[in-house]
Protein backbone atom coordinates (compact mmCIF):
# COMPACT_ATOMS: atom_id res chain seq x y z
CA MET A 1 18.41 -0.61 -51.39
CA LYS A 2 17.05 -2.93 -48.72
CA ARG A 3 17.94 -2.43 -45.10
CA GLY A 4 18.96 -5.27 -42.83
CA GLY A 5 17.23 -6.08 -39.59
CA PHE A 6 17.43 -7.92 -36.31
CA THR A 7 15.01 -9.93 -34.24
CA TYR A 8 15.89 -10.02 -30.57
CA ILE A 9 14.74 -11.23 -27.16
CA MET A 10 15.35 -9.34 -23.94
CA THR A 11 14.54 -10.13 -20.33
CA ASN A 12 14.73 -8.71 -16.82
CA ASP A 13 17.16 -9.73 -14.06
CA CYS A 14 14.97 -12.56 -12.75
CA HIS A 15 14.07 -13.83 -16.26
CA SER A 16 10.36 -13.61 -15.53
CA VAL A 17 9.63 -11.62 -18.72
CA LEU A 18 10.60 -12.39 -22.31
CA TYR A 19 10.26 -9.47 -24.73
CA THR A 20 10.63 -10.12 -28.45
CA GLY A 21 11.33 -7.19 -30.75
CA VAL A 22 12.60 -6.19 -34.18
CA THR A 23 14.87 -3.33 -35.23
CA ALA A 24 17.15 -2.12 -37.99
CA ASN A 25 19.76 -0.99 -35.44
CA LEU A 26 20.23 -3.50 -32.62
CA GLU A 27 22.88 -1.58 -30.70
CA LYS A 28 20.79 1.60 -30.62
CA ARG A 29 17.57 -0.24 -29.69
CA VAL A 30 19.19 -2.16 -26.82
CA TYR A 31 20.67 1.11 -25.55
CA GLU A 32 17.17 2.64 -25.58
CA HIS A 33 15.80 -0.31 -23.58
CA LYS A 34 18.62 -0.04 -21.04
CA GLN A 35 18.07 3.70 -20.59
CA GLY A 36 14.41 3.09 -19.78
CA ASP A 37 13.45 6.49 -21.18
CA ASN A 38 10.46 5.23 -23.16
CA PRO A 39 7.34 4.45 -21.16
CA GLY A 40 5.82 1.07 -21.87
CA PHE A 41 6.11 -2.63 -21.30
CA THR A 42 9.91 -2.96 -21.26
CA ASN A 43 10.35 -0.02 -18.91
CA GLN A 44 7.55 -1.19 -16.61
CA TYR A 45 9.07 -4.68 -16.30
CA ASN A 46 12.72 -3.52 -16.23
CA VAL A 47 13.63 -5.42 -19.42
CA LYS A 48 17.28 -4.52 -19.97
CA LYS A 49 19.16 -7.75 -20.74
CA LEU A 50 19.73 -8.85 -24.37
CA ILE A 51 19.73 -12.64 -24.35
CA TYR A 52 19.08 -13.61 -27.99
CA PHE A 53 19.25 -12.10 -31.47
CA GLU A 54 19.27 -13.01 -35.14
CA ALA A 55 20.47 -10.87 -38.07
CA PHE A 56 18.67 -10.73 -41.43
CA GLN A 57 19.44 -9.32 -44.87
CA ASN A 58 16.28 -7.22 -44.84
CA ILE A 59 13.86 -5.87 -42.26
CA GLU A 60 10.91 -7.80 -43.72
CA GLU A 61 12.58 -11.12 -42.86
CA ALA A 62 13.27 -9.86 -39.34
CA ILE A 63 9.60 -8.88 -38.92
CA GLN A 64 8.45 -12.32 -40.09
CA ARG A 65 10.82 -14.01 -37.63
CA GLU A 66 9.60 -11.76 -34.81
CA LYS A 67 6.03 -12.84 -35.51
CA SER A 68 7.09 -16.49 -35.56
CA ILE A 69 8.87 -16.21 -32.20
CA LYS A 70 5.99 -14.32 -30.61
CA GLY A 71 3.69 -17.19 -31.59
CA LYS A 72 5.79 -19.76 -29.72
CA THR A 73 5.23 -20.98 -26.19
CA ARG A 74 7.48 -19.77 -23.40
CA ALA A 75 9.13 -23.21 -23.31
CA LYS A 76 10.00 -22.99 -27.01
CA LYS A 77 11.35 -19.46 -26.57
CA ILE A 78 13.54 -20.69 -23.71
CA ALA A 79 14.86 -23.53 -25.87
CA LEU A 80 15.66 -21.02 -28.63
CA ILE A 81 17.48 -18.73 -26.20
CA GLU A 82 19.45 -21.59 -24.66
CA SER A 83 20.51 -22.85 -28.10
CA MET A 84 22.51 -19.63 -28.49
CA ASN A 85 23.00 -18.46 -24.91
CA PRO A 86 22.68 -21.32 -22.38
CA LYS A 87 23.74 -19.16 -19.42
CA TRP A 88 21.44 -16.26 -20.36
CA ARG A 89 24.34 -13.80 -20.38
CA ASP A 90 23.70 -10.23 -21.43
CA LEU A 91 24.91 -10.23 -25.04
CA SER A 92 25.05 -6.44 -25.22
CA ILE A 93 28.03 -6.16 -22.87
């Protein structure tokens, strides 16, 4: 049985950082980011705001999409975010 997946983008309060990730459990992963318990990039830059996500039938598709998004310019990432979330609201609330 294949497991579904999500590709997501998170940011900090001033939108200076865009973090793209992939997970099988979006709710759990966003919670982990918000808790800031794991040392690393997202904790260092206070990345706690979910601003974009896509759902996929299997994790492999989500990983491919993550790679595609990571290869885009910041301007293209912003256009992608604003196509779904023009006000950059936290979608995890």
